[in-house]
Each structure stands twice: as structure tokens, then as C-alpha cells.
Amino acid sequence: MTKFIATLTEKGVTNGELTRTVARSINGLPGRFEGSDDVLNALMAMDLFDRADNYYETLAPEYRSLTAAKLDQAARSTIDPKGFTWVVVGDAAKIRPQLEKLGLPIEVVEAP
């Protein structure tokens, strides 16, 4: 949780995170077309979002062009960390002290 908030505020995406994200995104592209229904869904999405016929061919170069700064800017302009509700389940006596260190409001709901 603190890593997520730090990414959206002062810290940002690390080079390692960028490298892993880009590699995972590119390596996952072929798996998006394993079945005929996957191909049909891709074609329907291309039509729905008015994408070019070569849209999927452009994704790998697009992913490779990403930088940590671009990811930081996109995340910070899209995600408001104050708009999240974190649900933490467990023994309140053990977990609450850890959560208090974050300085976020805490609401405890007892299990029935």
C-alpha cells in the first residue's frame, strides 16, 4: 500500500518496474490471440474503438517507447490515491499498528 501511494506521489516508477512492465506487455501479446474467440474479440474491439487495422502491430513499439516519466505522468493524472478504499482483513490487534503508521483514517468493522 505504501509503495503504491509513493509511486503516485514522490517516488514514481523505477527502471526495474518499467522494464518488467514493458517486457510482460510485449511478451503477452501473442497470447491474446490463442483462440478464434480471442481473434474475434480483438476485431470487435478494433471496430468499437475505431482502431487501425494494424493496431496490434503497433503495440510493441509503443510499449518500447514508454519511459518511467511517461508512466508516472499517466498514473498521476488518472489515479487519485485519496479516492481509494483499502479493505484489510485480519486480526485488528496485529494489523492496526501497522496501518496507523500510514496516517490514513481507519474504520474497524467487526465480523458477525
PDB file of N, CA and C in Angstrom:
ATOM      1  N   MET A   1       0.825  -1.180   0.000  1.00  0.00           N
ATOM      2  CA  MET A   1       0.000   0.000   0.000  1.00  0.00           C
ATOM      3  C   MET A   1       0.876   1.253   0.000  1.00  0.00           C
ATOM      4  N   THR A   2       1.868   1.288   0.836  1.00  0.00           N
ATOM      5  CA  THR A   2       2.734   2.472   0.881  1.00  0.00           C
ATOM      6  C   THR A   2       3.509   2.626  -0.418  1.00  0.00           C
ATOM      7  N   LYS A   3       3.920   1.516  -1.037  1.00  0.00           N
ATOM      8  CA  LYS A   3       4.635   1.563  -2.314  1.00  0.00           C
ATOM      9  C   LYS A   3       3.740   2.173  -3.382  1.00  0.00           C
ATOM     10  N   PHE A   4       2.466   1.766  -3.386  1.00  0.00           N
ATOM     11  CA  PHE A   4       1.507   2.279  -4.356  1.00  0.00           C
ATOM     12  C   PHE A   4       1.346   3.788  -4.195  1.00  0.00           C
ATOM     13  N   ILE A   5       1.155   4.235  -2.960  1.00  0.00           N
ATOM     14  CA  ILE A   5       0.978   5.663  -2.708  1.00  0.00           C
ATOM     15  C   ILE A   5       2.248   6.428  -3.067  1.00  0.00           C
ATOM     16  N   ALA A   6       3.402   5.873  -2.731  1.00  0.00           N
ATOM     17  CA  ALA A   6       4.670   6.533  -3.067  1.00  0.00           C
ATOM     18  C   ALA A   6       4.852   6.643  -4.577  1.00  0.00           C
ATOM     19  N   THR A   7       4.422   5.631  -5.315  1.00  0.00           N
ATOM     20  CA  THR A   7       4.532   5.666  -6.773  1.00  0.00           C
ATOM     21  C   THR A   7       3.723   6.818  -7.337  1.00  0.00           C
ATOM     22  N   LEU A   8       2.576   7.093  -6.729  1.00  0.00           N
ATOM     23  CA  LEU A   8       1.713   8.171  -7.225  1.00  0.00           C
ATOM     24  C   LEU A   8       2.099   9.543  -6.695  1.00  0.00           C
ATOM     25  N   THR A   9       3.017   9.587  -5.765  1.00  0.00           N
ATOM     26  CA  THR A   9       3.406  10.887  -5.212  1.00  0.00           C
ATOM     27  C   THR A   9       4.859  11.172  -5.540  1.00  0.00           C
ATOM     28  N   GLU A  10       5.748  10.961  -4.581  1.00  0.00           N
ATOM     29  CA  GLU A  10       7.129  11.412  -4.772  1.00  0.00           C
ATOM     30  C   GLU A  10       8.055  10.428  -5.483  1.00  0.00           C
ATOM     31  N   LYS A  11       7.858   9.124  -5.316  1.00  0.00           N
ATOM     32  CA  LYS A  11       8.845   8.166  -5.789  1.00  0.00           C
ATOM     33  C   LYS A  11       8.768   7.892  -7.290  1.00  0.00           C
ATOM     34  N   GLY A  12       7.645   7.481  -7.756  1.00  0.00           N
ATOM     35  CA  GLY A  12       7.491   7.162  -9.166  1.00  0.00           C
ATOM     36  C   GLY A  12       7.912   5.734  -9.502  1.00  0.00           C
ATOM     37  N   VAL A  13       7.812   5.414 -10.765  1.00  0.00           N
ATOM     38  CA  VAL A  13       8.131   4.084 -11.285  1.00  0.00           C
ATOM     39  C   VAL A  13       9.646   3.937 -11.372  1.00  0.00           C
ATOM     40  N   THR A  14      10.147   2.792 -10.921  1.00  0.00           N
ATOM     41  CA  THR A  14      11.586   2.535 -11.027  1.00  0.00           C
ATOM     42  C   THR A  14      11.912   1.978 -12.413  1.00  0.00           C
ATOM     43  N   ASN A  15      13.179   1.998 -12.777  1.00  0.00           N
ATOM     44  CA  ASN A  15      13.594   1.431 -14.071  1.00  0.00           C
ATOM     45  C   ASN A  15      13.311  -0.063 -14.128  1.00  0.00           C
ATOM     46  N   GLY A  16      13.480  -0.759 -13.010  1.00  0.00           N
ATOM     47  CA  GLY A  16      13.173  -2.189 -12.972  1.00  0.00           C
ATOM     48  C   GLY A  16      11.699  -2.457 -13.221  1.00  0.00           C
ATOM     49  N   GLU A  17      10.837  -1.654 -12.610  1.00  0.00           N
ATOM     50  CA  GLU A  17       9.393  -1.808 -12.818  1.00  0.00           C
ATOM     51  C   GLU A  17       9.024  -1.512 -14.271  1.00  0.00           C
ATOM     52  N   LEU A  18       9.632  -0.495 -14.830  1.00  0.00           N
ATOM     53  CA  LEU A  18       9.385  -0.157 -16.229  1.00  0.00           C
ATOM     54  C   LEU A  18       9.799  -1.313 -17.131  1.00  0.00           C
ATOM     55  N   THR A  19      10.989  -1.842 -16.922  1.00  0.00           N
ATOM     56  CA  THR A  19      11.493  -2.945 -17.746  1.00  0.00           C
ATOM     57  C   THR A  19      10.581  -4.163 -17.653  1.00  0.00           C
ATOM     58  N   ARG A  20      10.182  -4.530 -16.438  1.00  0.00           N
ATOM     59  CA  ARG A  20       9.295  -5.687 -16.254  1.00  0.00           C
ATOM     60  C   ARG A  20       7.926  -5.461 -16.895  1.00  0.00           C
ATOM     61  N   THR A  21       7.388  -4.262 -16.744  1.00  0.00           N
ATOM     62  CA  THR A  21       6.072  -3.959 -17.295  1.00  0.00           C
ATOM     63  C   THR A  21       6.087  -4.016 -18.812  1.00  0.00           C
ATOM     64  N   VAL A  22       7.089  -3.414 -19.417  1.00  0.00           N
ATOM     65  CA  VAL A  22       7.197  -3.421 -20.880  1.00  0.00           C
ATOM     66  C   VAL A  22       7.390  -4.847 -21.390  1.00  0.00           C
ATOM     67  N   ALA A  23       8.295  -5.596 -20.774  1.00  0.00           N
ATOM     68  CA  ALA A  23       8.548  -6.975 -21.214  1.00  0.00           C
ATOM     69  C   ALA A  23       7.295  -7.826 -21.077  1.00  0.00           C
ATOM     70  N   ARG A  24       6.604  -7.711 -19.949  1.00  0.00           N
ATOM     71  CA  ARG A  24       5.392  -8.507 -19.718  1.00  0.00           C
ATOM     72  C   ARG A  24       4.313  -8.148 -20.741  1.00  0.00           C
ATOM     73  N   SER A  25       4.175  -6.867 -21.046  1.00  0.00           N
ATOM     74  CA  SER A  25       3.163  -6.431 -22.006  1.00  0.00           C
ATOM     75  C   SER A  25       3.466  -6.934 -23.409  1.00  0.00           C
ATOM     76  N   ILE A  26       4.719  -6.837 -23.810  1.00  0.00           N
ATOM     77  CA  ILE A  26       5.098  -7.300 -25.155  1.00  0.00           C
ATOM     78  C   ILE A  26       5.017  -8.821 -25.239  1.00  0.00           C
ATOM     79  N   ASN A  27       5.539  -9.517 -24.250  1.00  0.00           N
ATOM     80  CA  ASN A  27       5.530 -10.981 -24.278  1.00  0.00           C
ATOM     81  C   ASN A  27       4.124 -11.555 -24.196  1.00  0.00           C
ATOM     82  N   GLY A  28       3.179 -10.789 -23.667  1.00  0.00           N
ATOM     83  CA  GLY A  28       1.805 -11.267 -23.560  1.00  0.00           C
ATOM     84  C   GLY A  28       0.977 -11.067 -24.819  1.00  0.00           C
ATOM     85  N   LEU A  29       1.485 -10.304 -25.777  1.00  0.00           N
ATOM     86  CA  LEU A  29       0.714 -10.023 -26.984  1.00  0.00           C
ATOM     87  C   LEU A  29       0.307 -11.283 -27.759  1.00  0.00           C
ATOM     88  N   PRO A  30       1.213 -12.221 -28.032  1.00  0.00           N
ATOM     89  CA  PRO A  30       0.798 -13.406 -28.804  1.00  0.00           C
ATOM     90  C   PRO A  30      -0.317 -14.192 -28.117  1.00  0.00           C
ATOM     91  N   GLY A  31      -0.311 -14.239 -26.807  1.00  0.00           N
ATOM     92  CA  GLY A  31      -1.328 -14.988 -26.074  1.00  0.00           C
ATOM     93  C   GLY A  31      -2.713 -14.383 -26.167  1.00  0.00           C
ATOM     94  N   ARG A  32      -2.789 -13.163 -26.666  1.00  0.00           N
ATOM     95  CA  ARG A  32      -4.089 -12.507 -26.805  1.00  0.00           C
ATOM     96  C   ARG A  32      -4.878 -13.037 -27.989  1.00  0.00           C
ATOM     97  N   PHE A  33      -4.255 -13.908 -28.790  1.00  0.00           N
ATOM     98  CA  PHE A  33      -4.904 -14.410 -30.000  1.00  0.00           C
ATOM     99  C   PHE A  33      -4.845 -15.934 -30.079  1.00  0.00           C
ATOM    100  N   GLU A  34      -4.939 -16.596 -28.942  1.00  0.00           N
ATOM    101  CA  GLU A  34      -4.795 -18.055 -28.922  1.00  0.00           C
ATOM    102  C   GLU A  34      -5.992 -18.785 -29.498  1.00  0.00           C
ATOM    103  N   GLY A  35      -7.166 -18.253 -29.323  1.00  0.00           N
ATOM    104  CA  GLY A  35      -8.368 -18.925 -29.820  1.00  0.00           C
ATOM    105  C   GLY A  35      -9.114 -18.047 -30.799  1.00  0.00           C
ATOM    106  N   SER A  36     -10.034 -18.667 -31.522  1.00  0.00           N
ATOM    107  CA  SER A  36     -10.799 -17.908 -32.509  1.00  0.00           C
ATOM    108  C   SER A  36     -11.654 -16.833 -31.835  1.00  0.00           C
ATOM    109  N   ASP A  37     -12.132 -17.113 -30.617  1.00  0.00           N
ATOM    110  CA  ASP A  37     -12.910 -16.086 -29.921  1.00  0.00           C
ATOM    111  C   ASP A  37     -12.036 -14.903 -29.528  1.00  0.00           C
ATOM    112  N   ASP A  38     -10.741 -15.145 -29.239  1.00  0.00           N
ATOM    113  CA  ASP A  38      -9.818 -14.056 -28.932  1.00  0.00           C
ATOM    114  C   ASP A  38      -9.627 -13.154 -30.146  1.00  0.00           C
ATOM    115  N   VAL A  39      -9.495 -13.767 -31.313  1.00  0.00           N
ATOM    116  CA  VAL A  39      -9.316 -13.000 -32.551  1.00  0.00           C
ATOM    117  C   VAL A  39     -10.573 -12.182 -32.838  1.00  0.00           C
ATOM    118  N   LEU A  40     -11.729 -12.810 -32.670  1.00  0.00           N
ATOM    119  CA  LEU A  40     -12.990 -12.107 -32.904  1.00  0.00           C
ATOM    120  C   LEU A  40     -13.148 -10.928 -31.936  1.00  0.00           C
ATOM    121  N   ASN A  41     -12.827 -11.148 -30.660  1.00  0.00           N
ATOM    122  CA  ASN A  41     -12.920 -10.064 -29.680  1.00  0.00           C
ATOM    123  C   ASN A  41     -11.978  -8.917 -30.029  1.00  0.00           C
ATOM    124  N   ALA A  42     -10.783  -9.233 -30.518  1.00  0.00           N
ATOM    125  CA  ALA A  42      -9.828  -8.195 -30.916  1.00  0.00           C
ATOM    126  C   ALA A  42     -10.370  -7.406 -32.103  1.00  0.00           C
ATOM    127  N   LEU A  43     -10.949  -8.093 -33.063  1.00  0.00           N
ATOM    128  CA  LEU A  43     -11.524  -7.416 -34.222  1.00  0.00           C
ATOM    129  C   LEU A  43     -12.688  -6.516 -33.814  1.00  0.00           C
ATOM    130  N   MET A  44     -13.523  -7.010 -32.905  1.00  0.00           N
ATOM    131  CA  MET A  44     -14.659  -6.210 -32.440  1.00  0.00           C
ATOM    132  C   MET A  44     -14.179  -4.977 -31.673  1.00  0.00           C
ATOM    133  N   ALA A  45     -13.128  -5.135 -30.861  1.00  0.00           N
ATOM    134  CA  ALA A  45     -12.585  -4.001 -30.121  1.00  0.00           C
ATOM    135  C   ALA A  45     -11.981  -2.975 -31.077  1.00  0.00           C
ATOM    136  N   MET A  46     -11.309  -3.451 -32.123  1.00  0.00           N
ATOM    137  CA  MET A  46     -10.726  -2.536 -33.109  1.00  0.00           C
ATOM    138  C   MET A  46     -11.828  -1.724 -33.773  1.00  0.00           C
ATOM    139  N   ASP A  47     -12.951  -2.364 -34.084  1.00  0.00           N
ATOM    140  CA  ASP A  47     -14.072  -1.670 -34.695  1.00  0.00           C
ATOM    141  C   ASP A  47     -14.719  -0.704 -33.702  1.00  0.00           C
ATOM    142  N   LEU A  48     -14.956  -1.177 -32.491  1.00  0.00           N
ATOM    143  CA  LEU A  48     -15.610  -0.362 -31.466  1.00  0.00           C
ATOM    144  C   LEU A  48     -14.828   0.904 -31.148  1.00  0.00           C
ATOM    145  N   PHE A  49     -13.510   0.775 -31.038  1.00  0.00           N
ATOM    146  CA  PHE A  49     -12.671   1.912 -30.676  1.00  0.00           C
ATOM    147  C   PHE A  49     -12.054   2.605 -31.889  1.00  0.00           C
ATOM    148  N   ASP A  50     -12.529   2.235 -33.086  1.00  0.00           N
ATOM    149  CA  ASP A  50     -12.078   2.850 -34.338  1.00  0.00           C
ATOM    150  C   ASP A  50     -10.555   2.817 -34.466  1.00  0.00           C
ATOM    151  N   ARG A  51      -9.996   1.631 -34.223  1.00  0.00           N
ATOM    152  CA  ARG A  51      -8.545   1.461 -34.307  1.00  0.00           C
ATOM    153  C   ARG A  51      -8.148   1.038 -35.717  1.00  0.00           C
ATOM    154  N   ALA A  52      -6.937   1.367 -36.097  1.00  0.00           N
ATOM    155  CA  ALA A  52      -6.414   0.993 -37.416  1.00  0.00           C
ATOM    156  C   ALA A  52      -6.292  -0.524 -37.522  1.00  0.00           C
ATOM    157  N   ASP A  53      -6.290  -1.025 -38.744  1.00  0.00           N
ATOM    158  CA  ASP A  53      -6.187  -2.462 -38.968  1.00  0.00           C
ATOM    159  C   ASP A  53      -4.882  -3.041 -38.429  1.00  0.00           C
ATOM    160  N   ASN A  54      -3.846  -2.225 -38.336  1.00  0.00           N
ATOM    161  CA  ASN A  54      -2.552  -2.702 -37.854  1.00  0.00           C
ATOM    162  C   ASN A  54      -2.323  -2.338 -36.381  1.00  0.00           C
ATOM    163  N   TYR A  55      -3.383  -2.072 -35.650  1.00  0.00           N
ATOM    164  CA  TYR A  55      -3.281  -1.619 -34.257  1.00  0.00           C
ATOM    165  C   TYR A  55      -2.384  -2.522 -33.421  1.00  0.00           C
ATOM    166  N   TYR A  56      -2.606  -3.815 -33.477  1.00  0.00           N
ATOM    167  CA  TYR A  56      -1.839  -4.726 -32.630  1.00  0.00           C
ATOM    168  C   TYR A  56      -0.375  -4.807 -33.057  1.00  0.00           C
ATOM    169  N   GLU A  57      -0.089  -4.522 -34.315  1.00  0.00           N
ATOM    170  CA  GLU A  57       1.300  -4.475 -34.765  1.00  0.00           C
ATOM    171  C   GLU A  57       2.036  -3.266 -34.190  1.00  0.00           C
ATOM    172  N   THR A  58       1.297  -2.239 -33.818  1.00  0.00           N
ATOM    173  CA  THR A  58       1.922  -1.021 -33.294  1.00  0.00           C
ATOM    174  C   THR A  58       2.149  -1.056 -31.788  1.00  0.00           C
ATOM    175  N   LEU A  59       1.573  -2.042 -31.110  1.00  0.00           N
ATOM    176  CA  LEU A  59       1.653  -2.060 -29.653  1.00  0.00           C
ATOM    177  C   LEU A  59       3.069  -2.272 -29.117  1.00  0.00           C
ATOM    178  N   ALA A  60       3.803  -3.231 -29.654  1.00  0.00           N
ATOM    179  CA  ALA A  60       5.153  -3.496 -29.131  1.00  0.00           C
ATOM    180  C   ALA A  60       6.043  -2.255 -29.246  1.00  0.00           C
ATOM    181  N   PRO A  61       6.098  -1.583 -30.414  1.00  0.00           N
ATOM    182  CA  PRO A  61       6.907  -0.354 -30.479  1.00  0.00           C
ATOM    183  C   PRO A  61       6.387   0.727 -29.516  1.00  0.00           C
ATOM    184  N   GLU A  62       5.088   0.797 -29.355  1.00  0.00           N
ATOM    185  CA  GLU A  62       4.512   1.776 -28.420  1.00  0.00           C
ATOM    186  C   GLU A  62       4.955   1.475 -26.995  1.00  0.00           C
ATOM    187  N   TYR A  63       4.901   0.206 -26.609  1.00  0.00           N
ATOM    188  CA  TYR A  63       5.349  -0.185 -25.271  1.00  0.00           C
ATOM    189  C   TYR A  63       6.837   0.117 -25.091  1.00  0.00           C
ATOM    190  N   ARG A  64       7.641  -0.175 -26.123  1.00  0.00           N
ATOM    191  CA  ARG A  64       9.087   0.082 -26.034  1.00  0.00           C
ATOM    192  C   ARG A  64       9.406   1.567 -25.886  1.00  0.00           C
ATOM    193  N   SER A  65       8.512   2.431 -26.353  1.00  0.00           N
ATOM    194  CA  SER A  65       8.756   3.872 -26.275  1.00  0.00           C
ATOM    195  C   SER A  65       8.410   4.461 -24.902  1.00  0.00           C
ATOM    196  N   LEU A  66       7.818   3.649 -24.035  1.00  0.00           N
ATOM    197  CA  LEU A  66       7.451   4.148 -22.711  1.00  0.00           C
ATOM    198  C   LEU A  66       8.687   4.461 -21.881  1.00  0.00           C
ATOM    199  N   THR A  67       8.556   5.482 -21.062  1.00  0.00           N
ATOM    200  CA  THR A  67       9.605   5.836 -20.110  1.00  0.00           C
ATOM    201  C   THR A  67       8.981   5.884 -18.725  1.00  0.00           C
ATOM    202  N   ALA A  68       9.821   5.865 -17.711  1.00  0.00           N
ATOM    203  CA  ALA A  68       9.314   5.971 -16.343  1.00  0.00           C
ATOM    204  C   ALA A  68       8.545   7.282 -16.175  1.00  0.00           C
ATOM    205  N   ALA A  69       9.037   8.347 -16.764  1.00  0.00           N
ATOM    206  CA  ALA A  69       8.362   9.641 -16.659  1.00  0.00           C
ATOM    207  C   ALA A  69       6.973   9.608 -17.294  1.00  0.00           C
ATOM    208  N   LYS A  70       6.845   8.927 -18.446  1.00  0.00           N
ATOM    209  CA  LYS A  70       5.536   8.811 -19.100  1.00  0.00           C
ATOM    210  C   LYS A  70       4.567   8.020 -18.228  1.00  0.00           C
ATOM    211  N   LEU A  71       5.051   6.923 -17.636  1.00  0.00           N
ATOM    212  CA  LEU A  71       4.186   6.119 -16.767  1.00  0.00           C
ATOM    213  C   LEU A  71       3.784   6.906 -15.527  1.00  0.00           C
ATOM    214  N   ASP A  72       4.728   7.617 -14.942  1.00  0.00           N
ATOM    215  CA  ASP A  72       4.422   8.443 -13.770  1.00  0.00           C
ATOM    216  C   ASP A  72       3.344   9.464 -14.101  1.00  0.00           C
ATOM    217  N   GLN A  73       3.509  10.154 -15.213  1.00  0.00           N
ATOM    218  CA  GLN A  73       2.561  11.198 -15.603  1.00  0.00           C
ATOM    219  C   GLN A  73       1.180  10.594 -15.844  1.00  0.00           C
ATOM    220  N   ALA A  74       1.127   9.453 -16.527  1.00  0.00           N
ATOM    221  CA  ALA A  74      -0.163   8.817 -16.813  1.00  0.00           C
ATOM    222  C   ALA A  74      -0.851   8.378 -15.522  1.00  0.00           C
ATOM    223  N   ALA A  75      -0.108   7.763 -14.626  1.00  0.00           N
ATOM    224  CA  ALA A  75      -0.699   7.301 -13.370  1.00  0.00           C
ATOM    225  C   ALA A  75      -1.165   8.472 -12.520  1.00  0.00           C
ATOM    226  N   ARG A  76      -0.340   9.484 -12.410  1.00  0.00           N
ATOM    227  CA  ARG A  76      -0.677  10.626 -11.548  1.00  0.00           C
ATOM    228  C   ARG A  76      -1.841  11.443 -12.090  1.00  0.00           C
ATOM    229  N   SER A  77      -2.010  11.461 -13.403  1.00  0.00           N
ATOM    230  CA  SER A  77      -3.125  12.214 -13.977  1.00  0.00           C
ATOM    231  C   SER A  77      -4.422  11.414 -13.973  1.00  0.00           C
ATOM    232  N   THR A  78      -4.335  10.107 -13.749  1.00  0.00           N
ATOM    233  CA  THR A  78      -5.506   9.250 -13.820  1.00  0.00           C
ATOM    234  C   THR A  78      -5.983   8.754 -12.460  1.00  0.00           C
ATOM    235  N   ILE A  79      -5.050   8.428 -11.575  1.00  0.00           N
ATOM    236  CA  ILE A  79      -5.383   7.771 -10.306  1.00  0.00           C
ATOM    237  C   ILE A  79      -5.272   8.763  -9.155  1.00  0.00           C
ATOM    238  N   ASP A  80      -6.344   8.867  -8.375  1.00  0.00           N
ATOM    239  CA  ASP A  80      -6.341   9.709  -7.180  1.00  0.00           C
ATOM    240  C   ASP A  80      -6.222   8.796  -5.965  1.00  0.00           C
ATOM    241  N   PRO A  81      -5.051   8.764  -5.309  1.00  0.00           N
ATOM    242  CA  PRO A  81      -4.886   7.849  -4.174  1.00  0.00           C
ATOM    243  C   PRO A  81      -5.836   8.143  -3.021  1.00  0.00           C
ATOM    244  N   LYS A  82      -6.373   9.361  -2.959  1.00  0.00           N
ATOM    245  CA  LYS A  82      -7.326   9.690  -1.898  1.00  0.00           C
ATOM    246  C   LYS A  82      -8.703   9.100  -2.184  1.00  0.00           C
ATOM    247  N   GLY A  83      -8.916   8.650  -3.396  1.00  0.00           N
ATOM    248  CA  GLY A  83     -10.201   8.086  -3.778  1.00  0.00           C
ATOM    249  C   GLY A  83     -10.315   6.588  -3.546  1.00  0.00           C
ATOM    250  N   PHE A  84      -9.280   5.977  -2.996  1.00  0.00           N
ATOM    251  CA  PHE A  84      -9.282   4.535  -2.763  1.00  0.00           C
ATOM    252  C   PHE A  84      -9.825   4.195  -1.389  1.00  0.00           C
ATOM    253  N   THR A  85     -10.487   3.070  -1.304  1.00  0.00           N
ATOM    254  CA  THR A  85     -10.851   2.483  -0.023  1.00  0.00           C
ATOM    255  C   THR A  85     -10.088   1.181   0.080  1.00  0.00           C
ATOM    256  N   TRP A  86      -9.240   1.085   1.074  1.00  0.00           N
ATOM    257  CA  TRP A  86      -8.448  -0.116   1.285  1.00  0.00           C
ATOM    258  C   TRP A  86      -9.200  -1.013   2.254  1.00  0.00           C
ATOM    259  N   VAL A  87      -9.374  -2.260   1.903  1.00  0.00           N
ATOM    260  CA  VAL A  87     -10.021  -3.225   2.771  1.00  0.00           C
ATOM    261  C   VAL A  87      -8.946  -4.200   3.236  1.00  0.00           C
ATOM    262  N   VAL A  88      -8.709  -4.217   4.535  1.00  0.00           N
ATOM    263  CA  VAL A  88      -7.687  -5.075   5.119  1.00  0.00           C
ATOM    264  C   VAL A  88      -8.387  -6.025   6.073  1.00  0.00           C
ATOM    265  N   VAL A  89      -8.182  -7.313   5.871  1.00  0.00           N
ATOM    266  CA  VAL A  89      -8.850  -8.316   6.687  1.00  0.00           C
ATOM    267  C   VAL A  89      -7.815  -9.032   7.536  1.00  0.00           C
ATOM    268  N   GLY A  90      -8.132  -9.185   8.807  1.00  0.00           N
ATOM    269  CA  GLY A  90      -7.219  -9.907   9.683  1.00  0.00           C
ATOM    270  C   GLY A  90      -7.414  -9.519  11.135  1.00  0.00           C
ATOM    271  N   ASP A  91      -6.488  -9.915  11.945  1.00  0.00           N
ATOM    272  CA  ASP A  91      -6.514  -9.638  13.377  1.00  0.00           C
ATOM    273  C   ASP A  91      -6.192  -8.159  13.593  1.00  0.00           C
ATOM    274  N   ALA A  92      -7.200  -7.393  14.033  1.00  0.00           N
ATOM    275  CA  ALA A  92      -7.045  -5.942  14.184  1.00  0.00           C
ATOM    276  C   ALA A  92      -5.925  -5.586  15.148  1.00  0.00           C
ATOM    277  N   ALA A  93      -5.728  -6.395  16.178  1.00  0.00           N
ATOM    278  CA  ALA A  93      -4.672  -6.097  17.151  1.00  0.00           C
ATOM    279  C   ALA A  93      -3.286  -6.145  16.506  1.00  0.00           C
ATOM    280  N   LYS A  94      -3.129  -6.994  15.513  1.00  0.00           N
ATOM    281  CA  LYS A  94      -1.837  -7.107  14.827  1.00  0.00           C
ATOM    282  C   LYS A  94      -1.708  -6.109  13.676  1.00  0.00           C
ATOM    283  N   ILE A  95      -2.810  -5.882  12.994  1.00  0.00           N
ATOM    284  CA  ILE A  95      -2.773  -5.076  11.773  1.00  0.00           C
ATOM    285  C   ILE A  95      -2.886  -3.581  12.047  1.00  0.00           C
ATOM    286  N   ARG A  96      -3.701  -3.198  13.011  1.00  0.00           N
ATOM    287  CA  ARG A  96      -3.948  -1.774  13.258  1.00  0.00           C
ATOM    288  C   ARG A  96      -2.671  -0.963  13.491  1.00  0.00           C
ATOM    289  N   PRO A  97      -1.715  -1.433  14.307  1.00  0.00           N
ATOM    290  CA  PRO A  97      -0.493  -0.637  14.500  1.00  0.00           C
ATOM    291  C   PRO A  97       0.261  -0.371  13.192  1.00  0.00           C
ATOM    292  N   GLN A  98       0.228  -1.341  12.300  1.00  0.00           N
ATOM    293  CA  GLN A  98       0.895  -1.159  11.011  1.00  0.00           C
ATOM    294  C   GLN A  98       0.168  -0.110  10.180  1.00  0.00           C
ATOM    295  N   LEU A  99      -1.159  -0.150  10.200  1.00  0.00           N
ATOM    296  CA  LEU A  99      -1.951   0.807   9.430  1.00  0.00           C
ATOM    297  C   LEU A  99      -1.844   2.219   9.999  1.00  0.00           C
ATOM    298  N   GLU A 100      -1.755   2.328  11.303  1.00  0.00           N
ATOM    299  CA  GLU A 100      -1.663   3.646  11.931  1.00  0.00           C
ATOM    300  C   GLU A 100      -0.415   4.398  11.463  1.00  0.00           C
ATOM    301  N   LYS A 101       0.638   3.676  11.151  1.00  0.00           N
ATOM    302  CA  LYS A 101       1.873   4.308  10.674  1.00  0.00           C
ATOM    303  C   LYS A 101       1.667   5.034   9.346  1.00  0.00           C
ATOM    304  N   LEU A 102       0.636   4.638   8.595  1.00  0.00           N
ATOM    305  CA  LEU A 102       0.384   5.245   7.289  1.00  0.00           C
ATOM    306  C   LEU A 102      -0.326   6.585   7.403  1.00  0.00           C
ATOM    307  N   GLY A 103      -0.934   6.836   8.547  1.00  0.00           N
ATOM    308  CA  GLY A 103      -1.622   8.100   8.741  1.00  0.00           C
ATOM    309  C   GLY A 103      -2.947   8.210   8.010  1.00  0.00           C
ATOM    310  N   LEU A 104      -3.499   7.090   7.596  1.00  0.00           N
ATOM    311  CA  LEU A 104      -4.785   7.088   6.907  1.00  0.00           C
ATOM    312  C   LEU A 104      -5.904   6.839   7.920  1.00  0.00           C
ATOM    313  N   PRO A 105      -7.117   7.315   7.618  1.00  0.00           N
ATOM    314  CA  PRO A 105      -8.228   7.023   8.532  1.00  0.00           C
ATOM    315  C   PRO A 105      -8.511   5.524   8.563  1.00  0.00           C
ATOM    316  N   ILE A 106      -8.833   5.021   9.738  1.00  0.00           N
ATOM    317  CA  ILE A 106      -9.091   3.588   9.928  1.00  0.00           C
ATOM    318  C   ILE A 106     -10.492   3.401  10.468  1.00  0.00           C
ATOM    319  N   GLU A 107     -11.228   2.502   9.849  1.00  0.00           N
ATOM    320  CA  GLU A 107     -12.551   2.130  10.337  1.00  0.00           C
ATOM    321  C   GLU A 107     -12.542   0.621  10.547  1.00  0.00           C
ATOM    322  N   VAL A 108     -12.863   0.190  11.758  1.00  0.00           N
ATOM    323  CA  VAL A 108     -12.871  -1.234  12.066  1.00  0.00           C
ATOM    324  C   VAL A 108     -14.307  -1.730  12.020  1.00  0.00           C
ATOM    325  N   VAL A 109     -14.516  -2.804  11.260  1.00  0.00           N
ATOM    326  CA  VAL A 109     -15.819  -3.450  11.186  1.00  0.00           C
ATOM    327  C   VAL A 109     -15.653  -4.848  11.747  1.00  0.00           C
ATOM    328  N   GLU A 110     -16.345  -5.114  12.838  1.00  0.00           N
ATOM    329  CA  GLU A 110     -16.254  -6.431  13.472  1.00  0.00           C
ATOM    330  C   GLU A 110     -16.973  -7.489  12.654  1.00  0.00           C
ATOM    331  N   ALA A 111     -16.402  -8.665  12.618  1.00  0.00           N
ATOM    332  CA  ALA A 111     -17.038  -9.784  11.918  1.00  0.00           C
ATOM    333  C   ALA A 111     -18.258 -10.227  12.718  1.00  0.00           C
ATOM    334  N   PRO A 112     -19.307 -10.668  12.035  1.00  0.00           N
ATOM    335  CA  PRO A 112     -20.530 -11.123  12.739  1.00  0.00           C
ATOM    336  C   PRO A 112     -20.286 -12.380  13.566  1.00  0.00           C
TER     337      PRO A 112
END
